[in-house]
Protein backbone atom coordinates (compact mmCIF):
# COMPACT_ATOMS: atom_id res chain seq x y z
CA MET A 1 32.30 -29.55 112.65
CA GLU A 2 34.45 -29.91 109.53
CA GLU A 3 38.11 -29.01 109.48
CA LYS A 4 39.06 -26.06 107.26
CA ILE A 5 42.72 -25.72 106.33
CA LEU A 6 43.97 -22.15 105.89
CA SER A 7 46.40 -21.87 102.97
CA GLY A 8 48.20 -18.91 101.44
CA LYS A 9 48.85 -17.33 104.84
CA LYS A 10 52.64 -17.66 104.87
CA ASN A 11 53.22 -13.91 104.78
CA GLY A 12 54.72 -13.61 108.23
CA MET A 13 58.16 -12.40 107.14
CA LYS A 14 56.73 -9.78 104.77
CA MET A 15 54.35 -8.49 107.42
CA LEU A 16 57.11 -8.38 110.01
CA PHE A 17 59.31 -6.19 107.79
CA LEU A 18 56.31 -4.02 106.91
CA VAL A 19 55.44 -3.37 110.57
CA LEU A 20 59.09 -2.63 111.38
CA LEU A 21 59.21 -0.25 108.44
CA VAL A 22 56.09 1.50 109.73
CA TYR A 23 57.76 1.94 113.12
CA VAL A 24 60.90 3.37 111.48
CA LEU A 25 58.84 5.86 109.46
CA ASP A 26 56.82 6.66 112.56
CA VAL A 27 59.98 7.54 114.48
CA VAL A 28 61.13 9.77 111.60
CA MET A 29 57.72 11.48 111.57
CA PHE A 30 57.82 11.96 115.33
CA ILE A 31 61.30 13.56 115.23
CA PHE A 32 60.36 15.78 112.29
CA SER A 33 57.13 16.91 113.98
CA VAL A 34 58.89 17.71 117.26
CA ASN A 35 61.57 19.74 115.48
CA HIS A 36 59.10 21.81 113.45
CA ILE A 37 56.16 22.22 115.79
CA ASP A 38 57.45 25.56 117.16
CA LYS A 39 58.47 26.96 113.79
CA ALA A 40 55.44 25.92 111.76
CA THR A 41 52.69 28.34 110.83
CA THR A 42 50.27 25.48 110.11
CA PRO A 43 48.92 22.73 112.38
CA LEU A 44 50.50 19.99 110.24
CA PRO A 45 53.43 19.29 112.61
CA GLY A 46 51.00 18.95 115.51
CA ILE A 47 48.80 16.59 113.53
CA GLY A 48 51.88 14.58 112.49
CA LEU A 49 52.97 14.36 116.12
CA GLY A 50 49.57 13.02 117.17
CA VAL A 51 49.47 10.53 114.32
CA SER A 52 52.97 9.27 115.10
CA ILE A 53 52.06 8.73 118.76
CA PHE A 54 48.87 6.93 117.78
CA ILE A 55 50.76 4.65 115.35
CA PHE A 56 53.41 3.93 117.97
CA LEU A 57 50.77 2.90 120.51
CA THR A 58 48.65 0.75 118.17
CA ALA A 59 50.97 -0.74 115.52
CA TRP A 60 52.08 -3.48 117.94
CA ILE A 61 48.65 -5.11 117.46
CA PHE A 62 49.80 -6.38 114.06
CA PHE A 63 52.50 -8.42 115.81
CA CYS A 64 49.69 -10.52 117.31
CA GLY A 65 48.90 -11.87 113.85
CA LEU A 66 52.36 -13.44 113.44
CA LYS A 67 52.30 -17.20 114.01
CA ILE A 68 55.18 -19.68 113.81
CA LEU A 69 54.46 -23.39 113.35
CA LYS A 70 56.98 -26.19 113.49
CA PRO A 71 56.60 -29.54 111.67
CA GLN A 72 53.73 -31.69 112.97
CA GLU A 73 52.01 -28.76 114.70
CA ALA A 74 48.60 -27.21 114.11
CA LEU A 75 46.81 -24.12 115.35
CA VAL A 76 43.01 -23.86 115.46
CA LEU A 77 41.89 -20.23 115.07
CA THR A 78 38.67 -18.54 116.09
CA LEU A 79 37.60 -14.93 115.47
CA PHE A 80 35.21 -13.58 118.09
CA GLY A 81 34.01 -17.11 118.83
CA LYS A 82 33.64 -18.22 115.20
CA TYR A 83 35.83 -21.00 113.80
CA VAL A 84 38.04 -19.48 111.10
CA GLY A 85 40.26 -22.39 110.13
CA THR A 86 43.35 -24.39 111.01
CA LEU A 87 47.01 -23.73 110.24
CA LYS A 88 48.71 -27.08 109.70
CA ASP A 89 51.83 -26.75 107.57
CA HIS A 90 55.03 -25.52 109.17
CA GLY A 91 56.08 -21.95 108.42
CA PHE A 92 55.80 -18.28 109.38
CA TYR A 93 52.18 -17.11 109.07
CA TYR A 94 50.29 -13.88 109.32
CA VAL A 95 46.58 -13.97 110.17
CA ASN A 96 44.02 -11.57 111.52
CA PRO A 97 45.61 -10.24 114.73
CA PHE A 98 42.30 -10.63 116.55
CA CYS A 99 42.22 -14.39 115.86
CA GLU A 100 42.72 -16.56 118.91
CA GLY A 101 44.23 -20.03 119.14
CA VAL A 102 42.08 -22.69 120.80
CA ASN A 103 43.33 -25.77 122.62
CA PRO A 104 41.13 -26.81 125.59
CA ALA A 105 43.50 -29.64 126.52
CA ALA A 106 46.60 -27.44 126.73
CA LYS A 107 47.02 -27.77 130.50
CA THR A 108 45.85 -31.36 130.85
CA ARG A 109 48.53 -33.66 132.28
CA LEU A 110 48.41 -37.34 131.41
CA SER A 111 50.88 -40.22 131.68
CA GLN A 112 51.89 -40.01 128.05
CA SER A 113 54.85 -39.15 125.89
CA GLY A 114 55.35 -35.50 125.02
CA ASP A 115 52.69 -34.16 127.35
CA VAL A 116 52.64 -30.87 129.23
CA SER A 117 55.57 -30.17 131.54
CA GLU A 118 57.19 -27.10 132.97
CA SER A 119 60.87 -26.70 133.75
CA GLY A 120 63.15 -23.71 134.15
CA GLY A 121 60.74 -21.15 132.76
CA MET A 122 60.29 -23.10 129.54
CA LEU A 123 56.83 -24.24 128.58
CA SER A 124 56.72 -27.61 126.83
CA VAL A 125 53.65 -29.04 125.13
CA ALA A 126 53.51 -32.12 122.93
CA GLY A 127 57.27 -32.43 122.86
CA VAL A 128 57.84 -28.81 121.65
CA ALA A 129 59.55 -26.32 123.97
CA ALA A 130 59.53 -22.55 123.52
CA THR A 131 59.23 -19.28 125.36
CA THR A 132 56.75 -16.53 124.68
CA GLY A 133 58.10 -13.42 123.00
CA VAL A 134 56.97 -10.25 121.30
CA MET A 135 55.96 -12.02 118.11
CA GLY A 136 54.50 -14.98 119.96
CA MET A 137 51.83 -12.97 121.86
CA GLU A 138 50.08 -16.35 122.38
CA SER A 139 51.51 -19.17 124.39
CA ILE A 140 52.75 -22.17 122.46
CA ASN A 141 50.42 -24.36 124.48
CA LYS A 142 47.60 -23.23 122.20
CA LYS A 143 49.10 -25.34 119.44
CA LEU A 144 48.04 -28.94 118.85
CA SER A 145 50.60 -31.66 118.30
CA LEU A 146 49.99 -33.86 115.27
CA LYS A 147 52.77 -36.23 116.30
CA ILE A 148 52.19 -39.83 117.28
CA MET A 149 51.91 -40.03 121.07
CA THR A 150 51.61 -42.90 123.53
CA LEU A 151 49.11 -42.84 126.37
CA ASN A 152 49.90 -45.10 129.31
CA ASN A 153 46.93 -45.10 131.68
CA SER A 154 47.19 -46.43 135.21
CA ARG A 155 46.60 -50.12 135.84
CA GLN A 156 43.02 -51.23 136.38
CA LYS A 157 41.56 -54.03 138.46
CA ILE A 158 38.92 -55.83 136.37
CA ASN A 159 37.06 -59.12 136.80
CA ASP A 160 37.54 -61.52 133.90
CA CYS A 161 34.70 -63.63 132.51
CA LEU A 162 35.14 -66.16 135.35
CA GLY A 163 34.94 -63.48 138.02
CA ASN A 164 38.63 -63.56 138.89
CA PRO A 165 40.05 -60.06 139.59
CA VAL A 166 43.03 -59.25 137.37
CA GLU A 167 45.21 -56.16 137.08
CA ILE A 168 45.87 -54.99 133.54
CA GLY A 169 47.51 -51.97 131.94
CA ILE A 170 47.64 -50.87 128.30
CA ALA A 171 49.65 -48.42 126.20
CA VAL A 172 47.70 -46.70 123.42
CA THR A 173 49.46 -45.05 120.47
CA TRP A 174 47.37 -42.24 118.97
CA ARG A 175 47.40 -38.98 117.04
CA ILE A 176 45.06 -36.17 116.01
CA VAL A 177 43.79 -36.37 112.43
CA ASP A 178 40.99 -33.77 112.57
CA THR A 179 41.82 -30.69 114.62
CA ALA A 180 38.34 -29.16 114.41
CA LYS A 181 36.68 -32.27 115.86
CA ALA A 182 39.34 -32.59 118.56
CA VAL A 183 38.84 -29.01 119.73
CA PHE A 184 35.10 -28.42 119.26
CA ASN A 185 33.36 -31.82 119.39
CA VAL A 186 34.59 -32.74 122.89
CA ASN A 187 35.35 -30.62 125.91
CA ASN A 188 38.88 -31.98 126.41
CA TYR A 189 40.18 -34.50 123.90
CA LYS A 190 42.95 -35.82 126.19
CA GLU A 191 40.61 -36.57 129.09
CA PHE A 192 38.06 -37.95 126.64
CA LEU A 193 40.63 -40.35 125.18
CA SER A 194 41.81 -41.47 128.61
CA LEU A 195 38.28 -42.24 129.82
CA GLN A 196 37.36 -44.08 126.63
CA CYS A 197 40.51 -46.20 126.91
CA ASP A 198 39.54 -47.25 130.44
CA SER A 199 35.95 -48.02 129.42
CA ALA A 200 36.94 -50.02 126.33
CA LEU A 201 39.51 -51.98 128.34
CA ARG A 202 36.89 -53.01 130.88
CA ASN A 203 34.42 -54.10 128.21
CA VAL A 204 36.94 -56.29 126.41
CA VAL A 205 38.64 -57.84 129.46
CA ARG A 206 35.28 -59.01 130.84
CA ILE A 207 34.88 -61.24 127.77
CA TYR A 208 38.08 -63.26 128.30
CA PRO A 209 39.35 -65.50 131.10
CA TYR A 210 42.84 -64.91 132.43
CA ASP A 211 43.93 -68.36 131.32
CA VAL A 212 42.39 -70.93 129.01
CA ALA A 213 39.14 -72.25 130.52
CA PRO A 214 36.62 -74.83 129.25
CA ASN A 215 33.20 -73.86 127.90
CA VAL A 216 34.08 -70.19 127.38
CA ASP A 217 33.09 -68.38 124.18
CA THR A 218 35.21 -65.28 123.60
CA THR A 219 34.32 -64.68 119.95
CA GLY A 220 30.54 -64.54 120.30
CA ASP A 221 29.85 -67.30 117.77
CA GLY A 222 28.36 -69.67 120.36
CA VAL A 223 31.28 -72.11 120.17
CA ALA A 224 33.73 -72.57 123.03
CA ASP A 225 37.30 -71.60 122.15
CA GLU A 226 40.71 -71.28 123.77
CA GLY A 227 40.87 -67.49 123.90
CA SER A 228 42.43 -65.97 127.03
CA LEU A 229 44.07 -62.76 128.20
CA ARG A 230 47.42 -64.48 128.70
CA GLY A 231 47.45 -66.65 125.61
CA SER A 232 45.69 -64.38 123.10
CA SER A 233 47.28 -61.03 123.91
CA GLU A 234 47.55 -60.00 120.25
CA VAL A 235 43.87 -60.69 119.60
CA VAL A 236 42.83 -58.94 122.82
CA ALA A 237 44.98 -55.89 121.99
CA ALA A 238 43.51 -55.63 118.49
CA ARG A 239 40.01 -55.87 119.94
CA ILE A 240 40.78 -53.14 122.48
CA ARG A 241 42.18 -50.93 119.72
CA ASP A 242 39.04 -51.31 117.58
CA GLU A 243 36.81 -50.62 120.59
CA ILE A 244 38.66 -47.40 121.44
CA GLN A 245 38.70 -46.25 117.80
CA THR A 246 34.93 -46.58 117.59
CA ARG A 247 34.53 -44.42 120.70
CA VAL A 248 36.94 -41.60 119.74
CA GLU A 249 35.97 -41.25 116.08
CA GLU A 250 33.96 -38.11 116.81
CA ALA A 251 36.94 -36.53 118.56
CA GLY A 252 39.09 -36.60 115.42
CA ILE A 253 41.57 -39.06 116.95
CA GLU A 254 43.13 -42.06 115.23
CA ILE A 255 44.18 -45.04 117.37
CA ILE A 256 47.25 -46.54 115.76
CA GLU A 257 47.94 -49.36 118.19
CA ALA A 258 47.02 -50.68 121.63
CA ARG A 259 49.29 -53.03 123.58
CA ILE A 260 48.96 -54.81 126.92
CA THR A 261 51.85 -53.65 129.11
CA TYR A 262 50.94 -55.39 132.37
CA LEU A 263 48.83 -58.44 133.19
CA ALA A 264 48.60 -60.30 136.51
CA TYR A 265 46.12 -61.64 139.00
CA ALA A 266 45.06 -59.17 141.69
CA PRO A 267 47.16 -59.46 144.90
CA GLU A 268 44.29 -60.91 146.95
CA ILE A 269 44.12 -64.05 144.80
CA ALA A 270 47.61 -64.13 143.31
CA ALA A 271 48.96 -66.59 145.94
CA VAL A 272 46.01 -68.98 145.51
CA MET A 273 46.28 -68.89 141.73
CA LEU A 274 50.02 -69.53 141.98
CA GLN A 275 49.36 -72.66 144.08
CA ARG A 276 46.79 -73.74 141.52
CA GLN A 277 49.31 -73.33 138.70
CA GLN A 278 51.95 -75.18 140.72
CA ALA A 279 49.54 -78.03 141.41
CA SER A 280 48.65 -78.26 137.74
CA ALA A 281 52.33 -78.31 136.82
CA ILE A 282 53.05 -81.04 139.41
CA ILE A 283 50.20 -83.18 138.07
CA ASP A 284 51.43 -82.82 134.50
CA ALA A 285 54.97 -83.71 135.59
CA ARG A 286 53.75 -86.77 137.50
CA LYS A 287 51.80 -87.97 134.48
CA MET A 288 54.93 -87.75 132.37
CA ILE A 289 57.02 -89.55 135.01
CA VAL A 290 54.49 -92.38 135.35
CA GLU A 291 54.22 -92.83 131.58
CA GLY A 292 58.00 -92.98 131.32
CA ALA A 293 58.30 -95.40 134.27
CA VAL A 294 55.70 -97.78 132.85
CA GLY A 295 57.54 -97.79 129.53
CA MET A 296 60.84 -98.57 131.25
CA VAL A 297 59.31 -101.43 133.26
CA GLU A 298 57.81 -102.94 130.11
CA MET A 299 61.15 -102.67 128.34
CA ALA A 300 62.97 -104.31 131.31
CA LEU A 301 60.56 -107.24 131.45
CA ASP A 302 60.74 -107.75 127.69
CA ARG A 303 64.54 -107.72 127.69
CA LEU A 304 64.77 -110.16 130.62
CA ASN A 305 62.30 -112.51 129.00
CA LYS A 306 63.94 -112.24 125.56
CA ASN A 307 67.49 -112.85 126.79
CA GLY A 308 66.43 -115.61 129.19
CA VAL A 309 68.34 -114.08 132.06
CA VAL A 310 65.84 -115.25 134.64
CA GLU A 311 62.44 -116.84 134.63
CA LEU A 312 59.85 -115.04 136.73
CA ASP A 313 56.40 -116.16 137.65
CA GLU A 314 53.51 -113.73 137.86
CA GLU A 315 54.01 -113.06 141.55
CA ARG A 316 57.68 -112.19 141.09
CA LYS A 317 56.89 -110.03 138.07
CA ALA A 318 54.38 -108.12 140.16
CA ALA A 319 56.95 -107.59 142.90
CA MET A 320 59.55 -106.46 140.37
CA VAL A 321 57.12 -104.03 138.72
CA SER A 322 56.22 -102.60 142.14
CA ASN A 323 59.84 -102.10 143.10
CA LEU A 324 60.77 -100.50 139.77
CA LEU A 325 57.84 -98.09 139.89
CA VAL A 326 58.74 -97.07 143.44
CA VAL A 327 62.32 -96.41 142.37
CA LEU A 328 61.44 -94.57 139.15
CA CYS A 329 58.54 -92.50 140.50
CA GLY A 330 59.96 -91.66 143.92
CA ASN A 331 61.05 -88.15 144.86
CA ARG A 332 64.17 -89.41 146.62
CA ASP A 333 67.04 -91.68 145.66
CA ALA A 334 66.34 -95.36 146.27
CA GLN A 335 68.05 -97.10 149.22
CA PRO A 336 68.92 -100.61 147.99
CA ILE A 337 68.49 -103.58 150.35
CA VAL A 338 70.67 -106.65 149.77
CA ASN A 339 68.80 -109.90 150.30
CA SER A 340 71.28 -112.61 151.36
CA GLY A 341 68.70 -115.29 151.93
CA SER A 342 66.20 -117.12 149.81
CA LEU A 343 63.83 -115.31 147.52
CA TYR A 344 61.02 -117.04 149.45
């Protein structure tokens, strides 16, 4: 289905005045016919009365062809089931009054910006609020929004490449670029987009570990790399965006951006993974403390030997090194013991 843009239809104001003029003339004809129907010797007043009544009862149909579009709105029109074209530019239009607007996703509610909501008798779709009136004859929810919108699906629990369950949520920024495809190629373009976002998210997350892990290939080139959900969020988001775009191409939707909004281990393993991270942090801290302590002991021995403060044999050096390491690497403050006797 190819999109067909209807141009040269901005005759709404002219048609409105024309229909109002017809009603004014019809009222004049009706009054004239009523006043002369008893005095006339010909059936013309009776015919005029019938015509005026017929016009009064049927002229309102032309109001159905008046369409008002605001900026970044579109209206897909069909005539007796056949696709006629799309009104895209803002303005006051007049089309065939038997044309019908089509928007199968008009009543679909999603967790996204500018979606359908009802409040106080006002009907709001795609961030545009309006009430139905005489000229509107069709609800505004038949119009498609061409604005950029953000879809925020619910969080999903997915196993990463190591089998660890993680919870992840994404926000997808999108817009309609082909109204004909969005309306006719899929049953409901909003539900279609939401489902494809969930599917693409699962496919991409299963490729990456939550954190950097050895011997994991996330690029598919056969070489282990350091890709991870936590450390490579920009790369993962771009990959999710490309995956979704491939899936929704036929629906006339453009994916502008995809971003990870939430990422955490699933509750059932979150505590264990936190202990694992704490243990790793403690080990790294201990390594740093030991390296620093060894350096300080070496510096102390060198300074004592260089300045000739005291001469120590190997046994005393070993004892001094042991005491210094205990003091420097201990978790608590050292409790000094004064030796008042001999060193031996």
